[in-house]
Every structure is written in structure tokens, then in C-alpha cells.
Amino acid sequence: MASSIGRSAARTTPLIVGWGHTAFGKLTEQSFEQLVVDAGSAALRDAGVAPGDIDLVVMGHFNAGMSPLAFPSSLALQIHEDLFGVHAMRVENACASGSAAVQTALAYLEAGLAKRVLVIGAEKMTGVAPDVVGRALLGADYEAAGTDSTTGFAGLFARVAAAYEERYGAVSDTLGLIAAKSHRLGAQNPYAHLQRDLGVEFCSTPSEKNPLVAGVLRRTDCSPVSDGAAAVVISTEPTDSAHPPVAFASWAAANDFLPASKRDPLAFAATRRAWDGALQAAGIGMSDLDLIELHDCFTIAELNLYEVLGIAPRGAGLEAVTSGTVLPGGEMPVNPSGGLKSKGHPVGATGVSQHVLAAMQLTGLFPGAQIEGAKRAAVHNMGGLAVANYVSVLEATE
């Protein structure tokens, strides 16, 4: 059986030494280029690293037709003229493009081909016709690629919800609880696109302001179309940053088959393979984690991931919410940032953003719902319907 790609815990430990993060949302006054420059510049300043000391730039960017510029890697050189000549590349792997960029950087660092890498994830999705965005996103689905759809990926995840209901019972109220959790936490996150605590009743009830989008999924069950960028500087040694670095204890990646006919809609089998690979490489179990930032593009994804990752038994994800397990202060806080659902999902930026906000948690610098005393976090990012899967385990160094 093939194994997922991942890091052996015995190798050199790369460090996140700095980060930058723009606001996520409908950023009409900021171009894609400006988002890239703002996030990358902030990360270099935070890391205390001069632009001329960067050996490689890796940019996560999905695009797929949402922007006419399909060759953006050298936009990072707009940060400073001292970046001239630095090797820069674009990495794309659907909604996991950001984490694909992070793991590309880690591979260069471990191979000894770089000592300091600037990773930027960015996407400009608003200001484009909704049908263009929908068609671009559907390019990440085997069956729907090249087609138009009124429901887009919401329709695909509505099928996941239908499969869940068929096996385990009605799911609508559970999704309402998860959406309300996400909105409550997003309201505390100054980077988030959606910063309103909408409450359980609103999130659970279809209405004119919260209409059904696809199947049982309401608008509050779906992550918004967002603009934004995030960046990290990853180094083989500490820098002059004002805060402690955050270490990569391990990472792993695994892909599933692309045709839906070859995947159980609830198994998220390659997600589980990447998850197990990362935890095993770090030499830890679930109880050793203090928080998880996971890919909740839709609330049904978060619910199913509770069970895929082992936070709750199969069919019992509701209990993880009602018991408080996945809330701040619970045994396994999930998405204290508000997640993609409320923080927003500018596709290429998402994976990098997850690493930034987890690193902030581990240094006690997150400006939202801080998990007190957090020392270890996991990041999960997926492309398509759990097709491309990336997991990182991050650890505090102080």
C-alpha cells in the first residue's frame, strides 16, 4: 500500500519565524498584487528577515480563471528590489494550494536547497461574476469540471450531507450549531470576513436572509467568497523576530481518487491517511493537541471531519458540539479563528492563513479567541471534496 508523503520526525525541524495576514473579505480597494505585497512584506518584517536573505518564494494561488493573470509568482518581487533574482514559483492544488505551497517550501528546506523561504497564499475572488467563480471552483471536481451550476461546490457537499443523513439521521440542527459556533468565533477575529455572531436560531432556520442553497445547506452553512492573503517565513534557524518561532513537528499529504464513484462520500479516506501520517511522524496522539484548524468550507465538512479525525465516533459528531469538546475551553478546540466558514476562504490563501493563525495561537498572539497555554496545534487543509489533503503539526518552542 502506498504511503502518504510526510516528514520523518528525525529530520531537521523547520521553523515559522514570521507571518503576515491581511483582512479577509470583499476588498474592493486592494488588487491581487497589493494583497501579495502586503502579506509578504508583513511576514518579512515580523520575521526580522531582510528581503535579500530569502532563498525562495513559493506562492499558493488557485485562480482557475478568476483572474486574467495566471503567472503571478514574480509579483512577490514587488515587495522589494532586493528580491530580484530569487527563485519564485506558483503552486496550485485547488483549495489546498496554500498548504501545498507550505509543504513545497518544507521540501526545499529539508533538501538543503534553501535556508529561508517566503510562502505567500493569495486569492482575489470578488469583483468577478458569480458564474465565473462557480465555474472556476467546479474545475476542482472530476464530474462537474467545465460545467455551469447554480449551487457549485455547495451542491457537492449537500450530497455529503444527504449521505450523512441516510446513515446517521437528520443533520440540519447540528449544522446550525456548528455555523453558530463559527460565527461566534469569527466575530472575535479581526481578520475574518464575517464578523457577526448570528446565534443558533438564525443559523438553524431557513429564511429570506438565510436561504437554502443546496439540499439542507443554508447560506450560513457555506463559506463566503473572499479576497485575502497570508504569508509565512519558514527558516532552518531562528531569526531576530520579536516572538518565539513555531516549529513544524511533522507534516503529511495524501491524495484520493478524483472520480466520485471511487470514493465513499463520508470516508474522507485520504484525509485520514494524511492525518494519521502527520501524528505518527510527530510521535503524538490526539490528546496531545491543544487545537485544530481544519478545512470547514461547509459545516457538513466540519461535522464529518470530527468523525474522520477521531474527535467523535462515527455518527456522533453532534456530541462534540453539545458537550463543548470542540469549543474554546473544551478538550479539542476546533477553528477558534471562525474557520473558513466565517474567516473566509480566499482559496489560495486558506492553507497559509491556517498556519499563520495556528502559529499565533502557539505564541499567545492570536487577537481573537486565544486558547490559553496552547503548545501544539494541527492544521488540516483539503482540495476538492477531500481529494488533496495536507496536515501539519506545529509546536511552540517556548
Protein backbone atom coordinates (compact mmCIF):
# COMPACT_ATOMS: atom_id res chain seq x y z
CA MET A 1 0.00 0.00 0.00
CA ALA A 2 1.33 3.42 -0.94
CA SER A 3 2.05 5.75 1.95
CA SER A 4 1.29 9.43 2.24
CA ILE A 5 4.13 11.88 1.73
CA GLY A 6 5.28 13.27 5.03
CA ARG A 7 8.17 14.27 7.22
CA SER A 8 10.14 11.94 9.44
CA ALA A 9 10.30 13.30 12.96
CA ALA A 10 14.06 12.60 12.99
CA ARG A 11 14.97 15.28 10.43
CA THR A 12 15.84 18.96 10.84
CA THR A 13 12.97 20.97 12.26
CA PRO A 14 11.92 23.95 10.11
CA LEU A 15 10.59 26.99 11.95
CA ILE A 16 7.90 29.54 11.20
CA VAL A 17 9.79 32.67 12.20
CA GLY A 18 7.39 35.32 10.93
CA TRP A 19 3.97 35.85 9.44
CA GLY A 20 1.64 38.34 7.82
CA HIS A 21 -2.11 38.29 7.26
CA THR A 22 -4.41 40.74 5.51
CA ALA A 23 -8.05 41.09 6.40
CA PHE A 24 -10.26 38.63 4.53
CA GLY A 25 -13.41 39.88 2.84
CA LYS A 26 -14.64 41.87 -0.12
CA LEU A 27 -11.57 44.04 -0.55
CA THR A 28 -12.60 46.26 -3.44
CA GLU A 29 -9.79 48.77 -2.92
CA GLN A 30 -6.99 46.20 -2.99
CA SER A 31 -5.66 44.45 -6.07
CA PHE A 32 -4.30 40.92 -6.05
CA GLU A 33 -0.82 42.38 -6.34
CA GLN A 34 -1.35 44.60 -3.32
CA LEU A 35 -2.59 41.68 -1.24
CA VAL A 36 0.55 39.70 -2.14
CA VAL A 37 2.84 42.63 -1.31
CA ASP A 38 1.06 43.49 1.95
CA ALA A 39 1.10 39.95 3.35
CA GLY A 40 4.64 39.19 2.20
CA SER A 41 6.06 42.48 3.49
CA ALA A 42 4.40 41.95 6.87
CA ALA A 43 5.84 38.44 7.15
CA LEU A 44 9.38 39.64 6.40
CA ARG A 45 9.10 42.45 8.95
CA ASP A 46 7.69 40.11 11.56
CA ALA A 47 10.47 37.58 10.95
CA GLY A 48 13.20 40.22 11.12
CA VAL A 49 14.49 38.95 7.78
CA ALA A 50 15.81 41.19 5.03
CA PRO A 51 14.34 40.57 1.57
CA GLY A 52 17.81 39.81 0.24
CA ASP A 53 18.14 36.90 2.68
CA ILE A 54 15.23 34.99 1.15
CA ASP A 55 16.31 31.99 -0.93
CA LEU A 56 12.95 31.00 -2.41
CA VAL A 57 9.42 32.35 -2.79
CA VAL A 58 6.50 29.93 -3.08
CA MET A 59 3.06 31.30 -3.89
CA GLY A 60 -0.18 29.38 -3.37
CA HIS A 61 -2.77 30.58 -5.90
CA PHE A 62 -5.70 28.67 -7.37
CA ASN A 63 -7.22 31.19 -9.81
CA ALA A 64 -8.66 28.77 -12.46
CA GLY A 65 -9.95 31.69 -14.47
CA MET A 66 -10.98 34.14 -11.74
CA SER A 67 -8.04 36.39 -12.63
CA PRO A 68 -6.54 37.05 -16.07
CA LEU A 69 -3.02 36.82 -14.64
CA ALA A 70 -2.16 33.14 -14.48
CA PHE A 71 1.57 33.69 -13.86
CA PRO A 72 1.82 35.62 -10.58
CA SER A 73 4.92 34.17 -8.92
CA SER A 74 7.16 37.20 -9.55
CA LEU A 75 4.61 39.58 -8.04
CA ALA A 76 6.32 38.85 -4.73
CA LEU A 77 9.39 40.64 -6.06
CA GLN A 78 7.32 43.84 -5.92
CA ILE A 79 7.88 43.70 -2.14
CA HIS A 80 11.46 44.89 -2.50
CA GLU A 81 14.06 45.21 -5.24
CA ASP A 82 16.45 43.02 -3.22
CA LEU A 83 14.25 40.05 -4.14
CA PHE A 84 15.42 40.35 -7.74
CA GLY A 85 16.84 37.05 -8.94
CA VAL A 86 15.25 34.94 -6.19
CA HIS A 87 13.65 31.73 -7.44
CA ALA A 88 9.86 32.18 -7.24
CA MET A 89 7.16 29.69 -8.17
CA ARG A 90 3.40 29.31 -8.10
CA VAL A 91 1.86 26.16 -6.58
CA GLU A 92 -1.74 25.11 -7.22
CA ASN A 93 -3.74 22.25 -5.72
CA ALA A 94 -7.32 23.52 -5.61
CA CYS A 95 -8.45 24.67 -2.15
CA ALA A 96 -5.28 23.18 -0.65
CA SER A 97 -2.99 25.42 -2.73
CA GLY A 98 -1.81 27.30 0.37
CA SER A 99 -0.70 24.19 2.24
CA ALA A 100 0.79 22.79 -0.97
CA ALA A 101 2.94 25.93 -1.07
CA VAL A 102 3.94 25.45 2.58
CA GLN A 103 4.94 21.83 2.03
CA THR A 104 6.86 22.74 -1.13
CA ALA A 105 8.88 25.17 0.99
CA LEU A 106 9.48 22.48 3.60
CA ALA A 107 10.79 20.10 0.94
CA TYR A 108 13.32 22.68 -0.26
CA LEU A 109 14.43 23.39 3.30
CA GLU A 110 14.85 19.71 4.18
CA ALA A 111 16.75 19.05 0.96
CA GLY A 112 19.21 21.78 1.89
CA LEU A 113 18.28 23.83 -1.19
CA ALA A 114 17.17 26.83 0.86
CA LYS A 115 17.57 28.25 4.35
CA ARG A 116 14.80 30.84 4.36
CA VAL A 117 11.63 30.64 2.30
CA LEU A 118 8.84 33.17 1.92
CA VAL A 119 5.47 31.46 1.38
CA ILE A 120 2.52 33.58 0.27
CA GLY A 121 -1.04 32.40 -0.28
CA ALA A 122 -3.40 34.80 -2.02
CA GLU A 123 -6.66 34.97 -3.95
CA LYS A 124 -8.87 37.71 -5.38
CA MET A 125 -12.37 36.27 -5.83
CA THR A 126 -14.77 39.20 -5.54
CA GLY A 127 -15.35 41.66 -8.34
CA VAL A 128 -15.84 38.68 -10.65
CA ALA A 129 -19.22 37.44 -11.88
CA PRO A 130 -20.60 34.68 -9.61
CA ASP A 131 -20.87 32.27 -12.53
CA VAL A 132 -17.16 32.75 -13.27
CA VAL A 133 -16.27 31.98 -9.65
CA GLY A 134 -18.60 28.97 -9.61
CA ARG A 135 -17.20 27.56 -12.84
CA ALA A 136 -13.62 28.07 -11.61
CA LEU A 137 -14.27 26.24 -8.35
CA LEU A 138 -16.04 23.40 -10.14
CA GLY A 139 -12.83 22.89 -12.07
CA ALA A 140 -11.69 21.04 -8.95
CA ASP A 141 -14.37 18.35 -9.40
CA TYR A 142 -13.98 15.43 -11.80
CA GLU A 143 -17.61 15.20 -12.82
CA ALA A 144 -18.56 18.91 -12.77
CA ALA A 145 -15.43 20.43 -14.34
CA GLY A 146 -16.31 22.57 -17.33
CA THR A 147 -19.97 22.88 -16.42
CA ASP A 148 -22.14 25.65 -15.03
CA SER A 149 -24.02 25.15 -11.79
CA THR A 150 -26.30 27.28 -9.66
CA THR A 151 -25.09 25.58 -6.49
CA GLY A 152 -21.40 24.91 -7.26
CA PHE A 153 -19.46 23.11 -4.54
CA ALA A 154 -22.39 23.62 -2.15
CA GLY A 155 -24.24 21.09 -4.29
CA LEU A 156 -21.41 18.60 -3.93
CA PHE A 157 -21.27 18.97 -0.15
CA ALA A 158 -25.07 18.80 0.00
CA ARG A 159 -24.63 15.24 -1.25
CA VAL A 160 -22.27 14.61 1.65
CA ALA A 161 -24.98 15.89 3.99
CA ALA A 162 -27.55 13.63 2.30
CA ALA A 163 -25.26 10.62 2.73
CA TYR A 164 -24.74 11.54 6.38
CA GLU A 165 -28.49 11.76 6.97
CA GLU A 166 -29.05 8.42 5.27
CA ARG A 167 -26.58 6.70 7.60
CA TYR A 168 -26.92 8.61 10.86
CA GLY A 169 -30.11 10.70 10.84
CA ALA A 170 -31.16 14.32 10.41
CA VAL A 171 -28.30 16.79 10.34
CA SER A 172 -29.82 20.25 9.87
CA ASP A 173 -29.88 21.28 13.56
CA THR A 174 -26.33 20.03 14.08
CA LEU A 175 -25.11 22.13 11.17
CA GLY A 176 -26.88 25.13 12.66
CA LEU A 177 -24.96 24.68 15.91
CA ILE A 178 -21.66 24.43 14.03
CA ALA A 179 -22.45 27.53 11.96
CA ALA A 180 -23.35 29.48 15.10
CA LYS A 181 -20.06 28.41 16.72
CA SER A 182 -18.12 29.56 13.68
CA HIS A 183 -19.88 32.93 13.55
CA ARG A 184 -19.40 33.49 17.27
CA LEU A 185 -15.66 32.88 16.98
CA GLY A 186 -15.32 34.75 13.70
CA ALA A 187 -16.87 37.78 15.36
CA GLN A 188 -13.83 37.86 17.66
CA ASN A 189 -11.28 37.54 14.83
CA PRO A 190 -10.28 40.90 13.31
CA TYR A 191 -9.04 39.14 10.15
CA ALA A 192 -12.38 37.42 9.47
CA HIS A 193 -14.66 38.18 6.55
CA LEU A 194 -17.86 37.57 8.55
CA GLN A 195 -17.74 39.20 11.98
CA ARG A 196 -21.31 38.84 13.22
CA ASP A 197 -22.49 36.49 15.96
CA LEU A 198 -25.73 35.33 14.34
CA GLY A 199 -26.88 32.89 17.01
CA VAL A 200 -28.13 29.33 16.81
CA GLU A 201 -31.75 30.13 15.87
CA PHE A 202 -30.80 32.22 12.84
CA CYS A 203 -28.20 29.70 11.65
CA SER A 204 -30.60 26.77 12.08
CA THR A 205 -33.65 28.29 10.39
CA PRO A 206 -34.07 28.81 6.62
CA SER A 207 -35.31 32.34 5.98
CA GLU A 208 -35.20 35.12 3.44
CA LYS A 209 -31.89 36.25 4.93
CA ASN A 210 -30.61 32.71 5.35
CA PRO A 211 -31.98 30.79 2.37
CA LEU A 212 -31.36 27.18 1.46
CA VAL A 213 -28.52 26.99 -1.04
CA ALA A 214 -28.36 23.27 -1.82
CA GLY A 215 -30.07 20.36 -0.09
CA VAL A 216 -30.11 21.05 3.64
CA LEU A 217 -27.29 23.58 3.40
CA ARG A 218 -28.28 27.16 4.18
CA ARG A 219 -26.25 30.24 3.39
CA THR A 220 -24.83 30.12 6.93
CA ASP A 221 -23.54 26.60 6.21
CA CYS A 222 -21.32 27.85 3.37
CA SER A 223 -18.01 29.71 3.48
CA PRO A 224 -18.11 33.09 1.71
CA VAL A 225 -16.37 34.13 -1.50
CA SER A 226 -13.46 36.19 -0.20
CA ASP A 227 -10.33 38.14 -1.06
CA GLY A 228 -7.21 37.97 1.06
CA ALA A 229 -3.62 36.90 1.54
CA ALA A 230 -1.40 35.39 4.22
CA ALA A 231 2.32 34.72 4.36
CA VAL A 232 4.92 32.94 6.47
CA VAL A 233 8.69 32.94 6.54
CA ILE A 234 10.00 29.43 7.18
CA SER A 235 13.63 29.05 8.22
CA THR A 236 16.07 26.37 9.30
CA GLU A 237 17.16 28.54 12.21
CA PRO A 238 15.71 31.28 14.45
CA THR A 239 15.83 34.89 13.31
CA ASP A 240 15.53 38.28 15.00
CA SER A 241 11.75 38.08 15.27
CA ALA A 242 10.19 39.71 18.33
CA HIS A 243 8.34 36.47 19.16
CA PRO A 244 9.48 32.85 19.53
CA PRO A 245 9.47 30.70 16.39
CA VAL A 246 6.94 27.92 15.90
CA ALA A 247 8.28 24.52 14.89
CA PHE A 248 6.96 22.03 12.36
CA ALA A 249 6.86 18.80 14.35
CA SER A 250 5.63 16.93 11.27
CA TRP A 251 3.58 17.12 8.11
CA ALA A 252 1.96 14.75 5.66
CA ALA A 253 -0.03 14.79 2.43
CA ALA A 254 -2.22 12.24 0.68
CA ASN A 255 -4.49 12.22 -2.36
CA ASP A 256 -7.67 10.28 -3.01
CA PHE A 257 -9.07 9.19 -6.37
CA LEU A 258 -10.66 12.02 -8.34
CA PRO A 259 -13.85 10.31 -9.64
CA ALA A 260 -16.61 10.40 -7.02
CA SER A 261 -17.52 6.83 -7.92
CA LYS A 262 -14.24 5.66 -6.39
CA ARG A 263 -14.77 7.45 -3.07
CA ASP A 264 -17.13 6.87 -0.16
CA PRO A 265 -18.65 10.36 0.37
CA LEU A 266 -18.14 10.20 4.15
CA ALA A 267 -14.86 8.29 4.38
CA PHE A 268 -12.52 11.18 3.55
CA ALA A 269 -10.04 8.32 3.35
CA ALA A 270 -7.02 10.29 2.16
CA THR A 271 -7.68 12.95 4.80
CA ARG A 272 -7.44 10.22 7.42
CA ARG A 273 -4.25 8.88 5.85
CA ALA A 274 -2.58 12.30 5.92
CA TRP A 275 -3.84 12.89 9.47
CA ASP A 276 -2.51 9.59 10.79
CA GLY A 277 0.77 10.09 8.95
CA ALA A 278 1.37 13.51 10.48
CA LEU A 279 0.51 12.44 14.03
CA GLN A 280 2.65 9.31 13.75
CA ALA A 281 5.61 11.28 12.40
CA ALA A 282 5.29 13.71 15.32
CA GLY A 283 5.04 10.81 17.76
CA ILE A 284 1.83 12.09 19.29
CA GLY A 285 -1.82 11.18 19.69
CA MET A 286 -4.99 13.22 19.50
CA SER A 287 -4.86 14.03 23.21
CA ASP A 288 -1.52 15.79 22.71
CA LEU A 289 -3.09 18.50 20.56
CA ASP A 290 -4.38 21.74 22.05
CA LEU A 291 -6.35 22.92 18.99
CA ILE A 292 -7.10 22.13 15.36
CA GLU A 293 -7.61 24.49 12.44
CA LEU A 294 -9.45 22.33 9.90
CA HIS A 295 -10.97 22.84 6.47
CA ASP A 296 -14.63 23.69 7.11
CA CYS A 297 -15.58 25.01 3.67
CA PHE A 298 -19.12 23.88 4.60
CA THR A 299 -20.48 22.99 8.03
CA ILE A 300 -21.08 19.41 6.91
CA ALA A 301 -17.35 19.17 6.21
CA GLU A 302 -16.58 20.19 9.80
CA LEU A 303 -19.12 17.74 11.20
CA ASN A 304 -17.78 14.87 9.13
CA LEU A 305 -14.18 15.76 9.98
CA TYR A 306 -14.96 15.50 13.71
CA GLU A 307 -15.57 11.84 13.00
CA VAL A 308 -12.88 11.28 10.35
CA LEU A 309 -10.14 12.68 12.60
CA GLY A 310 -11.36 10.84 15.69
CA ILE A 311 -12.71 13.72 17.76
CA ALA A 312 -16.03 11.86 17.89
CA PRO A 313 -17.20 8.35 16.93
CA ARG A 314 -18.95 7.86 13.62
CA GLY A 315 -22.43 9.30 13.71
CA ALA A 316 -21.78 11.12 17.00
CA GLY A 317 -20.34 14.41 15.80
CA LEU A 318 -23.24 16.32 17.35
CA GLU A 319 -21.98 15.37 20.81
CA ALA A 320 -18.65 17.06 20.11
CA VAL A 321 -20.53 20.36 19.83
CA THR A 322 -23.16 19.95 22.55
CA SER A 323 -20.59 18.68 25.06
CA GLY A 324 -18.31 21.65 24.37
CA THR A 325 -15.44 19.41 23.23
CA VAL A 326 -14.73 21.50 20.10
CA LEU A 327 -15.25 24.88 21.76
CA PRO A 328 -12.54 27.07 23.32
CA GLY A 329 -12.01 25.61 26.78
CA GLY A 330 -13.04 22.14 25.58
CA GLU A 331 -10.84 19.08 25.14
CA MET A 332 -10.23 19.74 21.43
CA PRO A 333 -10.99 23.31 20.27
CA VAL A 334 -11.70 23.37 16.54
CA ASN A 335 -11.32 26.50 14.42
CA PRO A 336 -11.07 29.14 17.15
CA SER A 337 -10.43 31.51 14.22
CA GLY A 338 -14.00 31.03 13.00
CA GLY A 339 -12.69 28.72 10.30
CA LEU A 340 -13.22 29.08 6.58
CA LYS A 341 -16.92 29.36 7.33
CA SER A 342 -16.57 32.77 8.98
CA LYS A 343 -12.96 33.81 8.48
CA GLY A 344 -13.45 33.41 4.74
CA HIS A 345 -12.00 31.18 2.05
CA PRO A 346 -9.84 33.04 -0.48
CA VAL A 347 -8.78 29.73 -1.93
CA GLY A 348 -5.02 30.10 -2.42
CA ALA A 349 -4.64 31.93 0.90
CA THR A 350 -6.52 29.47 3.09
CA GLY A 351 -3.80 26.94 3.91
CA VAL A 352 -1.23 29.64 4.67
CA SER A 353 -3.77 31.52 6.78
CA GLN A 354 -4.42 28.37 8.82
CA HIS A 355 -0.69 28.07 9.56
CA VAL A 356 -0.45 31.75 10.50
CA LEU A 357 -3.37 31.66 12.92
CA ALA A 358 -2.24 28.38 14.49
CA ALA A 359 1.24 29.87 14.97
CA MET A 360 -0.32 32.93 16.60
CA GLN A 361 -2.18 30.64 19.00
CA LEU A 362 1.05 28.87 19.96
CA THR A 363 2.81 32.14 20.73
CA GLY A 364 -0.15 33.63 22.60
CA LEU A 365 -0.57 36.35 19.97
CA PHE A 366 -3.89 35.48 18.37
CA PRO A 367 -6.13 38.58 18.57
CA GLY A 368 -9.36 36.57 18.79
CA ALA A 369 -10.38 33.54 20.87
CA GLN A 370 -6.96 32.64 22.25
CA ILE A 371 -6.58 29.07 23.53
CA GLU A 372 -4.73 29.60 26.78
CA GLY A 373 -1.48 27.68 27.17
CA ALA A 374 -1.67 26.13 23.70
CA LYS A 375 1.58 24.31 22.88
CA ARG A 376 0.67 22.08 19.94
CA ALA A 377 -1.74 22.55 17.03
CA ALA A 378 -2.72 20.66 13.90
CA VAL A 379 -3.62 22.26 10.57
CA HIS A 380 -5.79 20.38 8.05
CA ASN A 381 -6.37 21.73 4.53
CA MET A 382 -8.06 19.90 1.66
CA GLY A 383 -8.54 20.45 -2.05
CA GLY A 384 -11.69 19.32 -3.80
CA LEU A 385 -14.01 17.05 -1.88
CA ALA A 386 -11.26 15.61 0.38
CA VAL A 387 -9.16 14.71 -2.67
CA ALA A 388 -5.89 16.57 -1.94
CA ASN A 389 -5.15 16.56 1.78
CA TYR A 390 -2.45 18.25 3.83
CA VAL A 391 -1.79 18.09 7.57
CA SER A 392 0.83 19.93 9.64
CA VAL A 393 1.59 19.55 13.33
CA LEU A 394 3.00 22.76 14.82
CA GLU A 395 4.66 23.13 18.22
CA ALA A 396 5.56 26.07 20.43
CA THR A 397 9.28 26.43 21.10
CA GLU A 398 8.93 28.30 24.39
